[in-house]
Amino acid sequence: MNPILQTIKTAERILVTAHTDPDGDAVGSLLAMGLALERLGKRTTLYNESPIPAVYQFLPTVGRIDRHLEVAAAFDTAVILDCGDLPRIGGAGCAAISRAASVINIDHHVSTPVSGLTPDRRSRLRHGGDRLPPDPGAGSLADKEIATCIYTGILTDTGSFRFSNTNASAFAISREMVEAGVDPFEVAQHVFGSYSLGRIKLLNLALNSIEISPNGKLSLMTVTRGMLEETRTQQEDVDGLINYARRIEAVRVAALIQEQINGRAAANGRVRLHVSLRSDGSVDVAAIAGTFGGGGHHSAAGFQIESTLADIKSELLAWAEGMG
């Protein structure tokens, strides 16, 4: 970690970014890193191409996350968080990263290091799955604001400490964040306490779209642009819907196929789709996502693809038939 710390110490202007359609882990990490760098006196730009979901608008300094970057923006260092596929940062972010003198990737997905960088850039990339060690010269960075962002990221990424990535480290860090002033009840109320009427209507449509493979081991859920328009919801309202498909009895893998709002239909009828995968732990969905150019965790992964809904469903259903 020493090269990472040294790079941060010497940098004057830093770009911090995470994957598009950010979840709680991405938003929490983005804000926590931004706050920490701010405490170190760095000029920091926080960037995400997508709008931040409403449930995370309570997080400290969330308004500092920009959706647009100046064309000529220049940074000494770019910090990529929670992302193993560079194109998921978005066009403007990728352009800024390509001009940065140093690139730091901090991620916990098995698909890292970041794909999409040239071999030379990748050779200078550093990545890791653990927290950066404390810097004795930086003072205490674990204030309540940073702690709230970190705790929210852990809470959401572990599914309220229900997913297979819940371990002793997750509990230990969460305890540390609570001791720093985090109110777990307050965070839970914001993240899980209420939903808009539109999201409830979207959930109804998504549940009606569920299909089960002939062997009963795969569930498919679909969210189209038309469904979002009908319910007046946004892509961020889709977050968490896949868990309903995953909880169906005997299902081992759930897939949520989401038509991208900014995707354009090609002449052959194909559209840009994002496919999220969740398993009960018995299937490595990161390996499945990898065959489509994506990645993630053993039990939670995803990929993007240009296809038709019918074609991608057929591919996934065919794969499910070989599930032991």
C-alpha atoms as a PDB file:
ATOM      1  CA  MET A   1       0.000   0.000   0.000  1.00  0.00           C
ATOM      2  CA  ASN A   2       2.961   2.339   0.390  1.00  0.00           C
ATOM      3  CA  PRO A   3       3.076   3.310  -3.327  1.00  0.00           C
ATOM      4  CA  ILE A   4      -0.633   4.175  -3.160  1.00  0.00           C
ATOM      5  CA  LEU A   5      -0.176   6.339  -0.074  1.00  0.00           C
ATOM      6  CA  GLN A   6       2.836   8.079  -1.596  1.00  0.00           C
ATOM      7  CA  THR A   7       0.942   8.781  -4.822  1.00  0.00           C
ATOM      8  CA  ILE A   8      -1.934  10.328  -2.867  1.00  0.00           C
ATOM      9  CA  LYS A   9       0.404  12.400  -0.705  1.00  0.00           C
ATOM     10  CA  THR A  10       2.185  13.944  -3.680  1.00  0.00           C
ATOM     11  CA  ALA A  11      -0.922  14.502  -5.834  1.00  0.00           C
ATOM     12  CA  GLU A  12      -2.440  17.967  -5.938  1.00  0.00           C
ATOM     13  CA  ARG A  13      -5.618  17.373  -7.948  1.00  0.00           C
ATOM     14  CA  ILE A  14      -7.411  14.024  -7.702  1.00  0.00           C
ATOM     15  CA  LEU A  15     -10.368  12.548  -9.567  1.00  0.00           C
ATOM     16  CA  VAL A  16     -12.411   9.999  -7.612  1.00  0.00           C
ATOM     17  CA  THR A  17     -14.975   7.968  -9.522  1.00  0.00           C
ATOM     18  CA  ALA A  18     -17.011   4.740  -9.413  1.00  0.00           C
ATOM     19  CA  HIS A  19     -19.134   2.674 -11.765  1.00  0.00           C
ATOM     20  CA  THR A  20     -22.312   4.010 -13.368  1.00  0.00           C
ATOM     21  CA  ASP A  21     -25.710   3.136 -11.858  1.00  0.00           C
ATOM     22  CA  PRO A  22     -24.013   3.248  -8.448  1.00  0.00           C
ATOM     23  CA  ASP A  23     -25.172   1.116  -5.537  1.00  0.00           C
ATOM     24  CA  GLY A  24     -24.633   1.871  -1.854  1.00  0.00           C
ATOM     25  CA  ASP A  25     -21.116   0.474  -1.930  1.00  0.00           C
ATOM     26  CA  ALA A  26     -20.085   2.693  -4.844  1.00  0.00           C
ATOM     27  CA  VAL A  27     -21.717   5.851  -3.448  1.00  0.00           C
ATOM     28  CA  GLY A  28     -20.461   5.270   0.092  1.00  0.00           C
ATOM     29  CA  SER A  29     -16.913   4.543  -1.080  1.00  0.00           C
ATOM     30  CA  LEU A  30     -16.896   7.541  -3.398  1.00  0.00           C
ATOM     31  CA  LEU A  31     -17.987   9.952  -0.659  1.00  0.00           C
ATOM     32  CA  ALA A  32     -15.773   8.428   2.043  1.00  0.00           C
ATOM     33  CA  MET A  33     -12.692   8.683  -0.161  1.00  0.00           C
ATOM     34  CA  GLY A  34     -13.595  12.223  -1.166  1.00  0.00           C
ATOM     35  CA  LEU A  35     -14.001  13.306   2.455  1.00  0.00           C
ATOM     36  CA  ALA A  36     -10.742  11.629   3.462  1.00  0.00           C
ATOM     37  CA  LEU A  37      -8.815  13.326   0.659  1.00  0.00           C
ATOM     38  CA  GLU A  38     -10.421  16.640   1.559  1.00  0.00           C
ATOM     39  CA  ARG A  39      -9.165  16.242   5.126  1.00  0.00           C
ATOM     40  CA  LEU A  40      -5.693  15.784   3.641  1.00  0.00           C
ATOM     41  CA  GLY A  41      -6.032  19.124   1.863  1.00  0.00           C
ATOM     42  CA  LYS A  42      -6.325  17.690  -1.667  1.00  0.00           C
ATOM     43  CA  ARG A  43      -8.244  19.335  -4.512  1.00  0.00           C
ATOM     44  CA  THR A  44     -10.708  16.584  -5.225  1.00  0.00           C
ATOM     45  CA  THR A  45     -13.391  16.066  -7.863  1.00  0.00           C
ATOM     46  CA  LEU A  46     -16.021  13.393  -7.225  1.00  0.00           C
ATOM     47  CA  TYR A  47     -17.618  12.068 -10.397  1.00  0.00           C
ATOM     48  CA  ASN A  48     -20.317   9.623 -11.432  1.00  0.00           C
ATOM     49  CA  GLU A  49     -22.035   9.673 -14.782  1.00  0.00           C
ATOM     50  CA  SER A  50     -25.357   8.448 -13.350  1.00  0.00           C
ATOM     51  CA  PRO A  51     -27.747  10.197 -10.966  1.00  0.00           C
ATOM     52  CA  ILE A  52     -27.330   9.162  -7.346  1.00  0.00           C
ATOM     53  CA  PRO A  53     -30.279   7.036  -6.131  1.00  0.00           C
ATOM     54  CA  ALA A  54     -32.721   8.840  -3.845  1.00  0.00           C
ATOM     55  CA  VAL A  55     -32.073   6.460  -0.937  1.00  0.00           C
ATOM     56  CA  TYR A  56     -28.468   7.684  -0.719  1.00  0.00           C
ATOM     57  CA  GLN A  57     -29.213  11.400  -0.883  1.00  0.00           C
ATOM     58  CA  PHE A  58     -28.940  11.590   2.920  1.00  0.00           C
ATOM     59  CA  LEU A  59     -25.214  10.832   2.863  1.00  0.00           C
ATOM     60  CA  PRO A  60     -22.842  13.666   3.823  1.00  0.00           C
ATOM     61  CA  THR A  61     -21.605  15.828   0.908  1.00  0.00           C
ATOM     62  CA  VAL A  62     -23.547  13.768  -1.664  1.00  0.00           C
ATOM     63  CA  GLY A  63     -24.222  17.019  -3.527  1.00  0.00           C
ATOM     64  CA  ARG A  64     -20.524  17.229  -4.370  1.00  0.00           C
ATOM     65  CA  ILE A  65     -20.737  14.329  -6.805  1.00  0.00           C
ATOM     66  CA  ASP A  66     -20.626  15.769 -10.335  1.00  0.00           C
ATOM     67  CA  ARG A  67     -22.300  14.129 -13.322  1.00  0.00           C
ATOM     68  CA  HIS A  68     -20.283  16.168 -15.829  1.00  0.00           C
ATOM     69  CA  LEU A  69     -16.569  16.783 -16.262  1.00  0.00           C
ATOM     70  CA  GLU A  70     -14.934  19.641 -18.107  1.00  0.00           C
ATOM     71  CA  VAL A  71     -13.411  18.473 -21.377  1.00  0.00           C
ATOM     72  CA  ALA A  72     -10.038  19.970 -20.475  1.00  0.00           C
ATOM     73  CA  ALA A  73     -10.085  18.786 -16.832  1.00  0.00           C
ATOM     74  CA  ALA A  74      -6.647  17.506 -15.806  1.00  0.00           C
ATOM     75  CA  PHE A  75      -5.800  15.412 -12.746  1.00  0.00           C
ATOM     76  CA  ASP A  76      -2.540  14.205 -11.217  1.00  0.00           C
ATOM     77  CA  THR A  77      -4.205  11.017 -10.010  1.00  0.00           C
ATOM     78  CA  ALA A  78      -7.434   9.159 -10.761  1.00  0.00           C
ATOM     79  CA  VAL A  79      -8.889   6.867  -8.091  1.00  0.00           C
ATOM     80  CA  ILE A  80     -11.302   4.229  -9.417  1.00  0.00           C
ATOM     81  CA  LEU A  81     -13.551   2.624  -6.803  1.00  0.00           C
ATOM     82  CA  ASP A  82     -15.726  -0.505  -6.900  1.00  0.00           C
ATOM     83  CA  CYS A  83     -15.216  -1.071 -10.607  1.00  0.00           C
ATOM     84  CA  GLY A  84     -13.369  -3.742 -12.584  1.00  0.00           C
ATOM     85  CA  ASP A  85     -14.407  -2.649 -16.066  1.00  0.00           C
ATOM     86  CA  LEU A  86     -13.233   0.799 -17.181  1.00  0.00           C
ATOM     87  CA  PRO A  87     -16.069   1.471 -19.676  1.00  0.00           C
ATOM     88  CA  ARG A  88     -18.526   1.334 -16.750  1.00  0.00           C
ATOM     89  CA  ILE A  89     -17.077   4.657 -15.594  1.00  0.00           C
ATOM     90  CA  GLY A  90     -18.555   6.376 -18.651  1.00  0.00           C
ATOM     91  CA  GLY A  91     -17.049   8.253 -21.565  1.00  0.00           C
ATOM     92  CA  ALA A  92     -16.044  11.502 -19.853  1.00  0.00           C
ATOM     93  CA  GLY A  93     -14.577   9.654 -16.889  1.00  0.00           C
ATOM     94  CA  CYS A  94     -12.559   7.313 -19.103  1.00  0.00           C
ATOM     95  CA  ALA A  95     -11.164  10.292 -21.017  1.00  0.00           C
ATOM     96  CA  ALA A  96     -10.064  12.009 -17.805  1.00  0.00           C
ATOM     97  CA  ILE A  97      -8.532   8.793 -16.462  1.00  0.00           C
ATOM     98  CA  SER A  98      -6.561   8.318 -19.685  1.00  0.00           C
ATOM     99  CA  ARG A  99      -4.921  11.721 -19.129  1.00  0.00           C
ATOM    100  CA  ALA A 100      -4.095  11.216 -15.430  1.00  0.00           C
ATOM    101  CA  ALA A 101      -0.446  10.645 -14.572  1.00  0.00           C
ATOM    102  CA  SER A 102      -1.338   7.924 -12.023  1.00  0.00           C
ATOM    103  CA  VAL A 103      -4.285   5.563 -11.706  1.00  0.00           C
ATOM    104  CA  ILE A 104      -5.284   3.811  -8.479  1.00  0.00           C
ATOM    105  CA  ASN A 105      -7.922   1.063  -8.508  1.00  0.00           C
ATOM    106  CA  ILE A 106      -9.403   0.056  -5.135  1.00  0.00           C
ATOM    107  CA  ASP A 107     -11.845  -2.780  -5.606  1.00  0.00           C
ATOM    108  CA  HIS A 108     -13.038  -6.037  -4.090  1.00  0.00           C
ATOM    109  CA  HIS A 109     -14.293  -7.822  -7.190  1.00  0.00           C
ATOM    110  CA  VAL A 110     -12.487 -10.921  -8.396  1.00  0.00           C
ATOM    111  CA  SER A 111     -12.341  -9.438 -11.890  1.00  0.00           C
ATOM    112  CA  THR A 112      -9.840  -6.711 -11.013  1.00  0.00           C
ATOM    113  CA  PRO A 113      -7.424  -5.282 -12.173  1.00  0.00           C
ATOM    114  CA  VAL A 114      -9.472  -2.915 -14.283  1.00  0.00           C
ATOM    115  CA  SER A 115      -9.987  -4.082 -17.859  1.00  0.00           C
ATOM    116  CA  GLY A 116      -9.966  -1.449 -20.552  1.00  0.00           C
ATOM    117  CA  LEU A 117      -6.568   0.071 -19.764  1.00  0.00           C
ATOM    118  CA  THR A 118      -3.575  -0.363 -22.061  1.00  0.00           C
ATOM    119  CA  PRO A 119      -0.990  -2.913 -20.825  1.00  0.00           C
ATOM    120  CA  ASP A 120       1.384  -0.084 -19.935  1.00  0.00           C
ATOM    121  CA  ARG A 121      -1.250   1.718 -17.876  1.00  0.00           C
ATOM    122  CA  ARG A 122      -2.323  -1.538 -16.262  1.00  0.00           C
ATOM    123  CA  SER A 123       1.249  -2.354 -15.247  1.00  0.00           C
ATOM    124  CA  ARG A 124       1.324   0.858 -13.229  1.00  0.00           C
ATOM    125  CA  LEU A 125      -2.053   0.181 -11.670  1.00  0.00           C
ATOM    126  CA  ARG A 126      -2.360  -0.770  -8.029  1.00  0.00           C
ATOM    127  CA  HIS A 127      -5.411  -2.508  -6.642  1.00  0.00           C
ATOM    128  CA  GLY A 128      -6.463  -4.188  -3.406  1.00  0.00           C
ATOM    129  CA  GLY A 129      -9.421  -5.569  -1.522  1.00  0.00           C
ATOM    130  CA  ASP A 130      -8.578  -4.353   1.966  1.00  0.00           C
ATOM    131  CA  ARG A 131      -8.701  -0.943   3.596  1.00  0.00           C
ATOM    132  CA  LEU A 132      -5.750   1.332   3.140  1.00  0.00           C
ATOM    133  CA  PRO A 133      -3.649   1.244   6.321  1.00  0.00           C
ATOM    134  CA  PRO A 134      -3.893   4.356   8.519  1.00  0.00           C
ATOM    135  CA  ASP A 135      -1.350   7.095   7.917  1.00  0.00           C
ATOM    136  CA  PRO A 136       0.166   8.193  11.261  1.00  0.00           C
ATOM    137  CA  GLY A 137       0.821  11.642   9.845  1.00  0.00           C
ATOM    138  CA  ALA A 138      -2.693  12.240   8.559  1.00  0.00           C
ATOM    139  CA  GLY A 139      -4.510  12.509  11.878  1.00  0.00           C
ATOM    140  CA  SER A 140      -7.837  10.836  12.587  1.00  0.00           C
ATOM    141  CA  LEU A 141      -9.894  10.450   9.425  1.00  0.00           C
ATOM    142  CA  ALA A 142     -12.652   8.277  10.926  1.00  0.00           C
ATOM    143  CA  ASP A 143     -15.036  11.154  11.711  1.00  0.00           C
ATOM    144  CA  LYS A 144     -18.796  10.680  11.683  1.00  0.00           C
ATOM    145  CA  GLU A 145     -19.262  11.808   8.068  1.00  0.00           C
ATOM    146  CA  ILE A 146     -16.709   9.380   6.649  1.00  0.00           C
ATOM    147  CA  ALA A 147     -17.905   6.643   9.001  1.00  0.00           C
ATOM    148  CA  THR A 148     -21.515   7.060   7.831  1.00  0.00           C
ATOM    149  CA  CYS A 149     -20.474   6.608   4.195  1.00  0.00           C
ATOM    150  CA  ILE A 150     -18.344   3.549   4.938  1.00  0.00           C
ATOM    151  CA  TYR A 151     -21.042   1.946   7.105  1.00  0.00           C
ATOM    152  CA  THR A 152     -23.682   2.511   4.421  1.00  0.00           C
ATOM    153  CA  GLY A 153     -21.462   0.859   1.825  1.00  0.00           C
ATOM    154  CA  ILE A 154     -20.939  -2.214   4.011  1.00  0.00           C
ATOM    155  CA  LEU A 155     -24.608  -2.423   5.025  1.00  0.00           C
ATOM    156  CA  THR A 156     -25.867  -2.392   1.450  1.00  0.00           C
ATOM    157  CA  ASP A 157     -23.157  -4.566  -0.109  1.00  0.00           C
ATOM    158  CA  THR A 158     -23.670  -7.309   2.493  1.00  0.00           C
ATOM    159  CA  GLY A 159     -27.459  -7.115   2.119  1.00  0.00           C
ATOM    160  CA  SER A 160     -27.874  -5.977   5.722  1.00  0.00           C
ATOM    161  CA  PHE A 161     -25.279  -8.576   6.754  1.00  0.00           C
ATOM    162  CA  ARG A 162     -27.207 -11.403   5.058  1.00  0.00           C
ATOM    163  CA  PHE A 163     -25.048 -12.116   1.992  1.00  0.00           C
ATOM    164  CA  SER A 164     -22.139 -14.551   1.785  1.00  0.00           C
ATOM    165  CA  ASN A 165     -19.614 -11.692   1.841  1.00  0.00           C
ATOM    166  CA  THR A 166     -20.567 -10.951   5.463  1.00  0.00           C
ATOM    167  CA  ASN A 167     -17.554 -11.812   7.598  1.00  0.00           C
ATOM    168  CA  ALA A 168     -15.724 -10.838  10.776  1.00  0.00           C
ATOM    169  CA  SER A 169     -14.019  -7.931   9.035  1.00  0.00           C
ATOM    170  CA  ALA A 170     -17.361  -6.465   7.937  1.00  0.00           C
ATOM    171  CA  PHE A 171     -18.654  -6.566  11.514  1.00  0.00           C
ATOM    172  CA  ALA A 172     -15.387  -5.206  12.936  1.00  0.00           C
ATOM    173  CA  ILE A 173     -15.308  -2.238  10.568  1.00  0.00           C
ATOM    174  CA  SER A 174     -19.009  -1.568  11.141  1.00  0.00           C
ATOM    175  CA  ARG A 175     -18.447  -1.533  14.887  1.00  0.00           C
ATOM    176  CA  GLU A 176     -15.595   0.925  14.394  1.00  0.00           C
ATOM    177  CA  MET A 177     -17.875   3.157  12.330  1.00  0.00           C
ATOM    178  CA  VAL A 178     -20.617   3.042  14.981  1.00  0.00           C
ATOM    179  CA  GLU A 179     -18.067   3.980  17.630  1.00  0.00           C
ATOM    180  CA  ALA A 180     -17.176   6.954  15.406  1.00  0.00           C
ATOM    181  CA  GLY A 181     -20.773   8.180  15.657  1.00  0.00           C
ATOM    182  CA  VAL A 182     -22.855   6.318  13.059  1.00  0.00           C
ATOM    183  CA  ASP A 183     -26.495   5.709  13.998  1.00  0.00           C
ATOM    184  CA  PRO A 184     -27.389   2.302  12.448  1.00  0.00           C
ATOM    185  CA  PHE A 185     -31.132   2.894  12.848  1.00  0.00           C
ATOM    186  CA  GLU A 186     -30.956   6.234  11.040  1.00  0.00           C
ATOM    187  CA  VAL A 187     -28.981   4.744   8.137  1.00  0.00           C
ATOM    188  CA  ALA A 188     -31.366   1.783   7.855  1.00  0.00           C
ATOM    189  CA  GLN A 189     -34.379   4.113   7.823  1.00  0.00           C
ATOM    190  CA  HIS A 190     -32.951   6.067   4.909  1.00  0.00           C
ATOM    191  CA  VAL A 191     -31.848   3.034   2.909  1.00  0.00           C
ATOM    192  CA  PHE A 192     -34.718   0.643   3.612  1.00  0.00           C
ATOM    193  CA  GLY A 193     -37.397   2.677   5.378  1.00  0.00           C
ATOM    194  CA  SER A 194     -39.563   3.986   2.535  1.00  0.00           C
ATOM    195  CA  TYR A 195     -40.151   3.754  -1.218  1.00  0.00           C
ATOM    196  CA  SER A 196     -41.863   5.995  -3.722  1.00  0.00           C
ATOM    197  CA  LEU A 197     -45.215   4.929  -5.165  1.00  0.00           C
ATOM    198  CA  GLY A 198     -43.534   4.676  -8.559  1.00  0.00           C
ATOM    199  CA  ARG A 199     -41.005   2.159  -7.244  1.00  0.00           C
ATOM    200  CA  ILE A 200     -43.788   0.004  -5.808  1.00  0.00           C
ATOM    201  CA  LYS A 201     -45.529   0.042  -9.209  1.00  0.00           C
ATOM    202  CA  LEU A 202     -42.222  -0.834 -10.888  1.00  0.00           C
ATOM    203  CA  LEU A 203     -41.798  -3.729  -8.467  1.00  0.00           C
ATOM    204  CA  ASN A 204     -45.235  -5.018  -9.465  1.00  0.00           C
ATOM    205  CA  LEU A 205     -44.306  -4.978 -13.165  1.00  0.00           C
ATOM    206  CA  ALA A 206     -40.918  -6.571 -12.472  1.00  0.00           C
ATOM    207  CA  LEU A 207     -42.491  -9.373 -10.445  1.00  0.00           C
ATOM    208  CA  ASN A 208     -44.949 -10.058 -13.261  1.00  0.00           C
ATOM    209  CA  SER A 209     -42.025 -10.385 -15.695  1.00  0.00           C
ATOM    210  CA  ILE A 210     -40.381 -13.271 -13.805  1.00  0.00           C
ATOM    211  CA  GLU A 211     -39.738 -16.450 -15.783  1.00  0.00           C
ATOM    212  CA  ILE A 212     -38.377 -19.716 -14.367  1.00  0.00           C
ATOM    213  CA  SER A 213     -36.138 -22.107 -16.290  1.00  0.00           C
ATOM    214  CA  PRO A 214     -37.564 -25.594 -16.956  1.00  0.00           C
ATOM    215  CA  ASN A 215     -35.345 -27.116 -14.268  1.00  0.00           C
ATOM    216  CA  GLY A 216     -36.436 -24.460 -11.749  1.00  0.00           C
ATOM    217  CA  LYS A 217     -32.887 -23.340 -10.945  1.00  0.00           C
ATOM    218  CA  LEU A 218     -32.808 -19.979 -12.767  1.00  0.00           C
ATOM    219  CA  SER A 219     -35.213 -17.062 -12.461  1.00  0.00           C
ATOM    220  CA  LEU A 220     -35.281 -14.255 -15.013  1.00  0.00           C
ATOM    221  CA  MET A 221     -36.609 -10.774 -14.213  1.00  0.00           C
ATOM    222  CA  THR A 222     -36.888  -8.045 -16.852  1.00  0.00           C
ATOM    223  CA  VAL A 223     -37.056  -4.248 -16.572  1.00  0.00           C
ATOM    224  CA  THR A 224     -37.572  -2.317 -19.808  1.00  0.00           C
ATOM    225  CA  ARG A 225     -37.478   1.376 -20.633  1.00  0.00           C
ATOM    226  CA  GLY A 226     -41.225   1.194 -21.150  1.00  0.00           C
ATOM    227  CA  MET A 227     -41.709  -0.030 -17.591  1.00  0.00           C
ATOM    228  CA  LEU A 228     -39.657   2.874 -16.239  1.00  0.00           C
ATOM    229  CA  GLU A 229     -41.636   5.349 -18.332  1.00  0.00           C
ATOM    230  CA  GLU A 230     -44.971   3.861 -17.277  1.00  0.00           C
ATOM    231  CA  THR A 231     -44.120   4.093 -13.564  1.00  0.00           C
ATOM    232  CA  ARG A 232     -42.196   7.387 -13.880  1.00  0.00           C
ATOM    233  CA  THR A 233     -39.166   5.845 -12.236  1.00  0.00           C
ATOM    234  CA  GLN A 234     -35.435   5.963 -12.947  1.00  0.00           C
ATOM    235  CA  GLN A 235     -32.756   3.318 -13.361  1.00  0.00           C
ATOM    236  CA  GLU A 236     -31.735   3.769  -9.727  1.00  0.00           C
ATOM    237  CA  ASP A 237     -35.187   2.510  -8.663  1.00  0.00           C
ATOM    238  CA  VAL A 238     -34.270  -0.929 -10.026  1.00  0.00           C
ATOM    239  CA  ASP A 239     -31.668  -1.406  -7.268  1.00  0.00           C
ATOM    240  CA  GLY A 240     -32.574  -4.390  -5.081  1.00  0.00           C
ATOM    241  CA  LEU A 241     -35.419  -5.772  -7.210  1.00  0.00           C
ATOM    242  CA  ILE A 242     -33.367  -8.820  -8.170  1.00  0.00           C
ATOM    243  CA  ASN A 243     -33.501 -10.063  -4.588  1.00  0.00           C
ATOM    244  CA  TYR A 244     -37.175 -10.956  -5.042  1.00  0.00           C
ATOM    245  CA  ALA A 245     -36.315 -13.208  -7.971  1.00  0.00           C
ATOM    246  CA  ARG A 246     -33.469 -14.738  -5.997  1.00  0.00           C
ATOM    247  CA  ARG A 247     -35.684 -15.706  -3.053  1.00  0.00           C
ATOM    248  CA  ILE A 248     -37.957 -17.991  -5.071  1.00  0.00           C
ATOM    249  CA  GLU A 249     -37.891 -21.525  -3.699  1.00  0.00           C
ATOM    250  CA  ALA A 250     -35.354 -23.854  -5.390  1.00  0.00           C
ATOM    251  CA  VAL A 251     -33.850 -21.027  -7.476  1.00  0.00           C
ATOM    252  CA  ARG A 252     -30.060 -21.071  -7.378  1.00  0.00           C
ATOM    253  CA  VAL A 253     -29.356 -18.128  -9.715  1.00  0.00           C
ATOM    254  CA  ALA A 254     -31.430 -15.035 -10.460  1.00  0.00           C
ATOM    255  CA  ALA A 255     -30.838 -12.757 -13.444  1.00  0.00           C
ATOM    256  CA  LEU A 256     -32.206  -9.236 -13.817  1.00  0.00           C
ATOM    257  CA  ILE A 257     -32.117  -8.060 -17.441  1.00  0.00           C
ATOM    258  CA  GLN A 258     -32.383  -4.279 -17.580  1.00  0.00           C
ATOM    259  CA  GLU A 259     -32.712  -2.246 -20.752  1.00  0.00           C
ATOM    260  CA  GLN A 260     -30.474   0.797 -20.479  1.00  0.00           C
ATOM    261  CA  ILE A 261     -32.234   4.163 -20.691  1.00  0.00           C
ATOM    262  CA  ASN A 262     -29.503   5.711 -22.829  1.00  0.00           C
ATOM    263  CA  GLY A 263     -29.190   2.642 -25.037  1.00  0.00           C
ATOM    264  CA  ARG A 264     -30.199   2.962 -28.676  1.00  0.00           C
ATOM    265  CA  ALA A 265     -31.774   0.189 -30.705  1.00  0.00           C
ATOM    266  CA  ALA A 266     -29.566  -0.946 -33.586  1.00  0.00           C
ATOM    267  CA  ALA A 267     -30.872  -1.819 -37.030  1.00  0.00           C
ATOM    268  CA  ASN A 268     -31.004  -5.493 -36.052  1.00  0.00           C
ATOM    269  CA  GLY A 269     -33.245  -4.738 -33.060  1.00  0.00           C
ATOM    270  CA  ARG A 270     -30.504  -5.159 -30.479  1.00  0.00           C
ATOM    271  CA  VAL A 271     -30.366  -2.838 -27.471  1.00  0.00           C
ATOM    272  CA  ARG A 272     -27.883  -2.149 -24.703  1.00  0.00           C
ATOM    273  CA  LEU A 273     -28.693  -4.370 -21.734  1.00  0.00           C
ATOM    274  CA  HIS A 274     -27.269  -4.698 -18.233  1.00  0.00           C
ATOM    275  CA  VAL A 275     -27.603  -8.144 -16.679  1.00  0.00           C
ATOM    276  CA  SER A 276     -27.254  -8.556 -12.905  1.00  0.00           C
ATOM    277  CA  LEU A 277     -26.667 -12.039 -11.496  1.00  0.00           C
ATOM    278  CA  ARG A 278     -27.216 -13.310  -7.953  1.00  0.00           C
ATOM    279  CA  SER A 279     -26.684 -16.832  -6.637  1.00  0.00           C
ATOM    280  CA  ASP A 280     -27.389 -18.742  -3.451  1.00  0.00           C
ATOM    281  CA  GLY A 281     -23.656 -19.322  -3.063  1.00  0.00           C
ATOM    282  CA  SER A 282     -23.585 -22.665  -4.844  1.00  0.00           C
ATOM    283  CA  VAL A 283     -22.862 -21.097  -8.246  1.00  0.00           C
ATOM    284  CA  ASP A 284     -19.992 -18.758  -9.146  1.00  0.00           C
ATOM    285  CA  VAL A 285     -21.846 -16.059 -11.075  1.00  0.00           C
ATOM    286  CA  ALA A 286     -18.645 -14.020 -11.478  1.00  0.00           C
ATOM    287  CA  ALA A 287     -17.389 -16.787 -13.761  1.00  0.00           C
ATOM    288  CA  ILE A 288     -20.629 -16.668 -15.748  1.00  0.00           C
ATOM    289  CA  ALA A 289     -20.438 -12.875 -16.047  1.00  0.00           C
ATOM    290  CA  GLY A 290     -16.828 -13.228 -17.150  1.00  0.00           C
ATOM    291  CA  THR A 291     -17.856 -15.192 -20.231  1.00  0.00           C
ATOM    292  CA  PHE A 292     -19.849 -12.132 -21.298  1.00  0.00           C
ATOM    293  CA  GLY A 293     -17.036  -9.683 -20.501  1.00  0.00           C
ATOM    294  CA  GLY A 294     -18.277  -8.738 -17.043  1.00  0.00           C
ATOM    295  CA  GLY A 295     -17.334  -9.732 -13.508  1.00  0.00           C
ATOM    296  CA  GLY A 296     -18.063  -9.334  -9.835  1.00  0.00           C
ATOM    297  CA  HIS A 297     -18.270 -11.544  -6.765  1.00  0.00           C
ATOM    298  CA  HIS A 298     -18.857 -15.267  -6.410  1.00  0.00           C
ATOM    299  CA  SER A 299     -22.512 -14.670  -5.478  1.00  0.00           C
ATOM    300  CA  ALA A 300     -23.157 -11.281  -7.112  1.00  0.00           C
ATOM    301  CA  ALA A 301     -21.944 -10.217 -10.539  1.00  0.00           C
ATOM    302  CA  GLY A 302     -23.036  -8.616 -13.780  1.00  0.00           C
ATOM    303  CA  PHE A 303     -22.254  -7.695 -17.357  1.00  0.00           C
ATOM    304  CA  GLN A 304     -23.380  -5.425 -20.185  1.00  0.00           C
ATOM    305  CA  ILE A 305     -24.260  -6.684 -23.629  1.00  0.00           C
ATOM    306  CA  GLU A 306     -25.807  -5.527 -26.885  1.00  0.00           C
ATOM    307  CA  SER A 307     -28.535  -8.021 -27.673  1.00  0.00           C
ATOM    308  CA  THR A 308     -32.268  -8.536 -27.880  1.00  0.00           C
ATOM    309  CA  LEU A 309     -34.241  -9.517 -24.796  1.00  0.00           C
ATOM    310  CA  ALA A 310     -35.249 -12.769 -26.485  1.00  0.00           C
ATOM    311  CA  ASP A 311     -31.660 -13.683 -27.384  1.00  0.00           C
ATOM    312  CA  ILE A 312     -30.133 -13.043 -23.968  1.00  0.00           C
ATOM    313  CA  LYS A 313     -32.978 -14.916 -22.275  1.00  0.00           C
ATOM    314  CA  SER A 314     -32.376 -17.881 -24.564  1.00  0.00           C
ATOM    315  CA  GLU A 315     -28.646 -17.868 -23.773  1.00  0.00           C
ATOM    316  CA  LEU A 316     -29.242 -17.761 -20.026  1.00  0.00           C
ATOM    317  CA  LEU A 317     -31.936 -20.425 -20.135  1.00  0.00           C
ATOM    318  CA  ALA A 318     -29.668 -22.682 -22.197  1.00  0.00           C
ATOM    319  CA  TRP A 319     -26.890 -22.184 -19.641  1.00  0.00           C
ATOM    320  CA  ALA A 320     -29.296 -22.994 -16.786  1.00  0.00           C
ATOM    321  CA  GLU A 321     -30.062 -26.386 -18.278  1.00  0.00           C
ATOM    322  CA  GLY A 322     -26.468 -27.416 -17.647  1.00  0.00           C
ATOM    323  CA  MET A 323     -26.604 -26.396 -13.993  1.00  0.00           C
ATOM    324  CA  GLY A 324     -25.913 -29.449 -11.843  1.00  0.00           C
END
